[in-house]
Protein backbone atom coordinates (compact mmCIF):
# COMPACT_ATOMS: atom_id res chain seq x y z
CA MET A 1 106.17 154.07 66.97
CA LYS A 2 108.83 156.63 67.67
CA PRO A 3 110.10 156.88 71.26
CA SER A 4 109.00 159.58 73.66
CA LYS A 5 111.36 161.23 76.12
CA PHE A 6 108.76 160.58 78.77
CA SER A 7 108.75 156.84 78.07
CA LYS A 8 112.51 156.39 77.73
CA ILE A 9 112.85 154.31 80.86
CA SER A 10 110.32 151.69 79.75
CA ILE A 11 111.83 151.61 76.25
CA LEU A 12 115.35 151.01 77.47
CA SER A 13 114.92 148.93 80.59
CA PRO A 14 117.53 146.11 80.48
CA VAL A 15 115.33 143.58 82.15
CA SER A 16 112.44 142.41 80.03
CA LYS A 17 109.03 143.40 81.36
CA ILE A 18 107.53 140.37 79.65
CA SER A 19 108.40 138.47 82.88
CA GLY A 20 106.31 140.81 85.04
CA ILE A 21 102.87 139.03 85.37
CA ALA A 22 102.19 135.26 86.86
CA LEU A 23 100.91 131.60 86.84
CA PHE A 24 98.86 128.17 88.11
CA LEU A 25 97.79 124.42 87.43
CA LEU A 26 99.22 120.73 86.93
CA SER A 27 102.31 118.61 87.85
CA THR A 28 105.23 116.69 86.28
CA THR A 29 108.84 115.92 87.18
CA VAL A 30 110.87 119.13 86.97
CA GLN A 31 114.20 119.27 85.16
CA ALA A 32 116.12 122.15 83.64
CA GLU A 33 116.04 122.54 79.86
CA SER A 34 118.36 124.57 77.62
CA TYR A 35 117.37 126.79 74.68
CA GLN A 36 118.97 129.26 72.27
CA SER A 37 116.13 130.55 70.08
CA PHE A 38 112.81 132.02 71.18
CA SER A 39 109.89 133.11 68.98
CA VAL A 40 106.44 134.45 69.88
CA LEU A 41 103.45 135.14 67.60
CA THR A 42 100.80 137.30 69.31
CA TYR A 43 97.35 138.52 68.31
CA SER A 44 95.75 141.18 70.51
CA GLN A 45 92.56 143.23 70.50
CA ASN A 46 91.82 146.32 72.59
CA SER A 47 88.83 148.58 73.05
CA SER A 48 88.82 151.90 74.92
CA LYS A 49 86.34 154.60 75.85
CA ILE A 50 87.44 158.00 77.17
CA ASN A 51 85.21 160.72 78.63
CA GLN A 52 87.70 163.50 79.35
CA PRO A 53 86.46 166.73 80.96
CA ALA A 54 88.21 170.02 80.25
CA LEU A 55 91.69 170.01 81.76
CA ILE A 56 93.53 173.11 82.95
CA TYR A 57 97.26 172.65 83.36
CA SER A 58 100.48 174.60 83.77
CA GLN A 59 103.19 173.55 81.33
CA ASN A 60 106.06 175.74 82.53
CA GLY A 61 104.92 176.71 86.01
CA THR A 62 103.78 180.21 85.02
CA SER A 63 101.14 180.13 82.27
CA GLN A 64 97.96 178.05 82.20
CA GLU A 65 96.44 176.30 79.22
CA THR A 66 93.21 174.37 78.76
CA LEU A 67 92.61 171.08 76.98
CA PRO A 68 88.97 171.02 75.79
CA ALA A 69 86.59 168.29 76.92
CA TYR A 70 86.07 165.36 74.56
CA GLN A 71 84.67 161.82 74.31
CA SER A 72 86.42 159.11 72.34
CA LYS A 73 85.98 155.44 71.40
CA TRP A 74 88.88 153.42 70.03
CA ASP A 75 89.25 149.81 68.82
CA SER A 76 92.40 148.10 67.57
CA ASP A 77 93.64 144.74 66.33
CA SER A 78 97.35 143.87 66.38
CA LEU A 79 99.52 141.02 65.13
CA ALA A 80 103.18 140.77 66.16
CA LEU A 81 106.05 138.32 65.63
CA PHE A 82 109.18 138.46 67.80
CA SER A 83 112.29 136.25 67.59
CA LYS A 84 115.51 136.24 69.60
CA TYR A 85 118.60 134.06 69.27
CA TYR A 86 121.32 133.64 71.92
CA PHE A 87 124.80 132.50 70.94
CA GLU A 88 124.98 130.42 74.12
CA GLU A 89 122.44 128.04 75.58
CA GLN A 90 120.06 129.50 78.16
CA GLN A 91 119.17 127.10 80.96
CA SER A 92 115.70 127.28 82.44
CA LEU A 93 115.35 127.62 86.20
CA GLY A 94 112.70 124.91 86.39
CA PRO A 95 109.71 126.54 84.68
CA LEU A 96 110.35 126.51 80.95
CA ASN A 97 109.93 130.29 80.57
CA GLU A 98 112.08 131.37 83.55
CA PHE A 99 115.77 132.17 83.07
CA ASP A 100 118.56 134.10 84.80
CA TYR A 101 117.66 137.62 85.93
CA ILE A 102 120.73 139.11 84.23
CA ASN A 103 121.65 138.06 80.70
CA THR A 104 125.35 137.38 80.03
CA SER A 105 125.08 135.99 76.46
CA SER A 106 125.43 137.73 73.11
CA ASN A 107 122.19 137.78 71.12
CA ILE A 108 120.32 139.12 68.13
CA TYR A 109 116.60 139.85 67.76
CA ALA A 110 114.00 140.95 65.22
CA SER A 111 110.31 141.78 65.38
CA VAL A 112 107.55 142.85 63.01
CA SER A 113 104.09 144.07 63.95
CA SER A 114 100.95 145.40 62.31
CA ASP A 115 98.16 147.37 63.97
CA ASP A 116 94.79 148.51 62.61
CA SER A 117 92.65 150.89 64.64
CA ASP A 118 89.35 152.70 64.27
CA SER A 119 88.30 155.60 66.46
CA PHE A 120 85.60 158.22 66.85
CA THR A 121 86.07 161.43 68.86
CA SER A 122 83.44 163.99 69.75
CA GLY A 123 84.70 167.35 71.00
CA SER A 124 83.41 170.83 71.71
CA ASP A 125 84.06 172.04 68.17
CA ARG A 126 83.60 169.00 65.90
CA ASP A 127 83.33 165.21 65.55
CA LEU A 128 86.13 163.19 64.00
CA ASN A 129 86.36 159.70 62.50
CA TRP A 130 89.86 158.30 62.31
CA GLN A 131 91.22 155.06 60.83
CA SER A 132 94.87 154.12 61.18
CA SER A 133 97.07 151.30 59.94
CA SER A 134 100.66 151.01 61.14
CA GLN A 135 103.59 148.67 60.65
CA THR A 136 106.73 148.47 62.77
CA VAL A 137 110.04 146.63 62.25
CA ASN A 138 112.74 146.28 64.91
CA VAL A 139 116.16 144.64 64.67
CA GLY A 140 119.08 144.66 67.06
CA GLY A 141 121.32 142.72 69.36
CA GLN A 142 124.05 142.64 71.98
CA TRP A 143 127.68 141.56 71.69
CA ILE A 144 129.20 140.64 75.05
CA THR A 145 132.98 140.22 75.26
CA ASN A 146 135.43 140.55 78.14
CA ASN A 147 132.51 141.64 80.35
CA PHE A 148 131.72 144.61 78.05
CA ILE A 149 128.29 144.86 76.46
CA PHE A 150 127.90 146.53 73.05
CA GLY A 151 124.34 146.84 71.83
CA ALA A 152 122.60 148.42 68.84
CA GLY A 153 119.08 148.60 67.49
CA TYR A 154 117.12 149.99 64.56
CA SER A 155 113.36 150.62 64.34
CA TYR A 156 111.21 151.64 61.41
CA PHE A 157 107.62 152.83 61.75
CA ASN A 158 105.08 153.46 58.98
CA ASN A 159 101.61 154.85 59.57
CA GLU A 160 98.67 155.38 57.20
CA ASN A 161 95.87 157.61 58.50
CA THR A 162 92.40 158.52 57.27
CA PHE A 163 90.54 161.48 58.79
CA GLY A 164 87.09 161.56 57.21
CA SER A 165 87.90 162.05 53.51
CA ASP A 166 91.50 163.14 54.16
CA LYS A 167 94.40 160.70 53.98
CA TYR A 168 98.05 161.01 54.81
CA ASP A 169 101.02 158.73 55.43
CA ASN A 170 104.03 159.22 57.60
CA SER A 171 107.06 157.12 58.47
CA ASP A 172 109.96 157.43 60.85
CA SER A 173 112.97 155.49 62.02
CA TYR A 174 115.36 155.68 64.93
CA TYR A 175 118.58 154.11 66.12
CA SER A 176 119.63 153.09 69.59
CA ALA A 177 122.94 152.07 71.15
CA GLU A 178 123.99 150.49 74.42
CA LEU A 179 127.27 150.33 76.31
CA GLY A 180 127.41 148.22 79.45
CA TYR A 181 129.75 146.38 81.76
CA LEU A 182 129.24 143.13 83.66
CA ILE A 183 130.95 143.76 86.97
CA SER A 184 130.04 140.14 87.70
CA ASP A 185 127.43 137.69 86.45
CA ASP A 186 125.16 139.18 89.14
CA PHE A 187 125.81 142.91 88.66
CA VAL A 188 125.56 144.94 85.45
CA ILE A 189 125.55 148.66 84.60
CA ASN A 190 124.40 150.16 81.27
CA ALA A 191 124.20 153.43 79.38
CA TYR A 192 121.75 153.84 76.48
CA TYR A 193 121.45 156.30 73.61
CA ASN A 194 118.46 156.86 71.33
CA ASP A 195 118.42 159.34 68.46
CA GLY A 196 114.68 159.95 68.93
CA GLY A 197 113.88 159.62 65.25
CA ASP A 198 113.72 163.37 64.67
CA GLY A 199 116.93 164.61 66.25
CA ASP A 200 115.44 164.80 69.75
CA ASP A 201 117.99 162.35 71.07
CA PHE A 202 118.35 161.26 74.69
CA PHE A 203 120.36 159.07 77.06
CA SER A 204 119.34 156.86 79.96
CA TYR A 205 121.17 154.69 82.49
CA SER A 206 120.52 151.50 84.43
CA ALA A 207 121.97 149.08 86.96
CA SER A 208 120.78 145.59 87.86
CA TYR A 209 121.81 143.29 90.69
CA ASN A 210 120.97 139.64 91.29
CA LEU A 211 121.06 138.31 94.85
CA GLN A 212 121.43 134.55 94.44
CA LEU A 213 119.73 132.47 97.13
CA ALA A 214 119.50 128.71 97.57
CA ASP A 215 119.49 126.65 94.36
CA SER A 216 117.79 128.68 91.58
CA ASP A 217 116.03 131.12 93.93
CA TYR A 218 116.97 134.79 93.57
CA ILE A 219 115.94 138.37 94.30
CA GLY A 220 116.64 140.77 91.43
CA PHE A 221 116.83 144.57 91.65
CA SER A 222 116.96 147.11 88.82
CA TYR A 223 117.29 150.88 88.79
CA ASN A 224 116.68 153.06 85.70
CA VAL A 225 117.01 156.82 85.32
CA ASP A 226 116.73 159.33 82.47
CA GLU A 227 119.53 161.68 81.41
CA ASP A 228 118.15 164.57 83.47
CA PHE A 229 117.74 162.40 86.57
CA ASP A 230 114.07 163.42 86.67
CA ILE A 231 112.44 160.01 86.13
CA HIS A 232 113.58 157.22 88.45
CA GLN A 233 112.37 153.62 88.28
CA LEU A 234 113.13 150.97 90.89
CA SER A 235 111.93 147.42 90.30
CA SER A 236 112.42 144.09 92.02
CA ARG A 237 111.61 140.43 91.33
CA TYR A 238 111.68 137.47 93.72
CA PHE A 239 111.76 133.96 92.20
CA PHE A 240 111.61 130.96 94.52
CA SER A 241 110.51 127.34 94.75
CA PHE A 242 108.33 126.16 97.64
CA SER A 243 108.05 122.48 96.79
CA GLU A 244 109.81 120.06 94.48
CA GLN A 245 107.66 121.03 91.50
CA SER A 246 106.07 124.42 92.30
CA TYR A 247 107.47 127.93 91.96
CA MET A 248 106.39 131.48 92.72
CA VAL A 249 107.33 134.93 91.42
CA VAL A 250 106.42 138.21 93.12
CA GLY A 251 107.54 141.58 91.84
CA GLY A 252 106.85 145.25 91.65
CA ASP A 253 108.17 148.61 90.53
CA TYR A 254 107.89 152.24 91.52
CA ILE A 255 108.45 155.27 89.26
CA LEU A 256 109.29 158.66 90.73
CA ASP A 257 108.57 161.28 88.04
CA ASN A 258 109.93 164.77 88.75
CA SER A 259 109.78 165.94 85.13
CA ASN A 260 108.05 169.17 84.11
CA HIS A 261 105.58 167.44 81.80
CA PHE A 262 101.98 168.29 82.77
CA LEU A 263 101.06 164.58 82.92
CA ALA A 264 104.04 163.72 85.14
CA ASP A 265 102.99 161.56 88.08
CA ASP A 266 104.51 158.92 90.35
CA SER A 267 103.27 155.38 89.77
CA TRP A 268 103.64 151.83 91.01
CA SER A 269 102.71 148.30 89.98
CA ILE A 270 102.78 144.81 91.49
CA ASN A 271 102.71 141.34 89.95
CA ALA A 272 102.68 137.74 91.07
CA SER A 273 103.10 134.38 89.36
CA TYR A 274 102.41 130.84 90.44
CA TYR A 275 103.87 127.82 88.62
CA TYR A 276 102.13 124.60 89.51
CA ASP A 277 104.79 122.80 87.49
CA GLN A 278 107.34 123.70 84.81
CA ARG A 279 104.71 123.80 82.03
CA THR A 280 101.54 125.31 83.45
CA SER A 281 101.16 128.75 84.97
CA MET A 282 98.89 131.70 85.68
CA SER A 283 99.70 135.36 86.31
CA VAL A 284 98.22 138.56 87.74
CA TYR A 285 99.21 142.22 87.45
CA TYR A 286 97.90 145.47 88.97
CA ASN A 287 98.97 149.14 88.97
CA ASP A 288 97.83 152.33 90.67
CA ASP A 289 95.85 153.48 87.60
CA ASP A 290 93.39 150.63 88.32
CA TYR A 291 94.83 148.61 85.45
CA TYR A 292 94.89 144.86 85.99
CA GLY A 293 95.82 141.85 83.90
CA LEU A 294 95.31 138.09 84.10
CA SER A 295 97.19 135.54 82.01
CA ALA A 296 97.74 131.81 81.69
CA SER A 297 100.38 129.77 79.90
CA TYR A 298 100.62 126.08 79.00
CA TYR A 299 103.52 124.21 77.37
CA ILE A 300 102.27 121.54 74.98
CA ASN A 301 105.74 119.99 75.15
CA ASP A 302 109.25 121.24 75.95
CA ASN A 303 109.30 123.46 72.84
CA TYR A 304 105.84 124.83 72.15
CA SER A 305 103.44 126.79 74.35
CA VAL A 306 100.21 128.79 74.18
CA GLN A 307 99.28 131.83 76.24
CA ALA A 308 96.09 133.81 76.82
CA SER A 309 95.67 137.09 78.68
CA TYR A 310 93.01 139.64 79.59
CA ASN A 311 93.49 143.23 80.77
CA SER A 312 91.15 145.96 81.93
CA ASN A 313 91.41 149.57 83.08
CA ASN A 314 88.61 151.61 84.70
CA ASN A 315 90.38 154.82 85.58
CA ASP A 316 88.23 157.50 87.22
CA LYS A 317 91.06 160.04 87.15
CA TYR A 318 91.26 160.13 83.34
CA GLU A 319 87.73 158.75 82.71
CA VAL A 320 89.13 155.72 80.84
CA ASP A 321 87.32 152.41 80.35
CA GLN A 322 89.53 149.89 78.55
CA ASP A 323 89.43 146.13 77.90
CA GLY A 324 91.70 143.89 75.88
CA TYR A 325 92.87 140.34 75.35
CA SER A 326 95.69 138.56 73.59
CA LEU A 327 96.49 135.05 72.33
CA SER A 328 100.07 133.90 71.77
CA PHE A 329 101.93 130.89 70.42
CA SER A 330 105.59 130.44 71.38
CA ALA A 331 108.38 128.20 70.16
CA GLN A 332 111.81 127.77 71.80
CA PHE A 333 114.67 125.47 70.82
């Protein structure tokens, strides 16, 4: 899907948000393992219901417009495969899916995904059935030399839509670039460019700092901002051990949105993870839109793992009722 200027921060954040949720269970002797390649196959299913009343808003601060009331039901199934290869070994911090907060190794990645959705919308003027099938391909990487970071990415999106008896296809692609500098292994700054897919290009900027504590414990901080300095995101992550074999992660982020978009709003989220040992974990996540997620992960051995997650959102503000789950299989060598 093509990037939105209002989602640029989440698209370009240098620290993966995959690590933002949590963990529980068993016990074995903990020792660090090293890996270079990581692959994840994920199946997910989501279902949403929206009962949106008429909305009056001001787009430019002077004129008012009205979005008509509508009710909508939407179901989707998705399958995605992601792979990433580092040119240097990545050493785990104890748990087999926890690594350094700031990456200092050159890498390449690729992903493919397919999504099928079916929706029905009832509005004030007419009812609409809509089926959609989309495919997305992403490739990219980072080259890190002499503390400089040079990154590039390419994404292609194809969508096939059916509205009643009408059908149409559309496709789009966009490029992204990154220029960064590692002031130290614990402090990095980055600038990002995205061509927007249709000429509506934009920049964004970020900085991340890792405060190293005893052994593998750390507190990480990241700051992201858009080119207009309207949307600011501050996030933090605290990883620590509290016994020989158990670990904990707590984190959160806050977004200050001063943009002129009529849906602009500040937001926050929190997450926590508990590792009973290096192979078994559980996670929780919650944000201020009443969205929460639960997940669990288990490593069959040092290379293969399975994950399961559930998420739900009952948002009174936007009259949204959403549920979803996902199942994943991961391999790392």
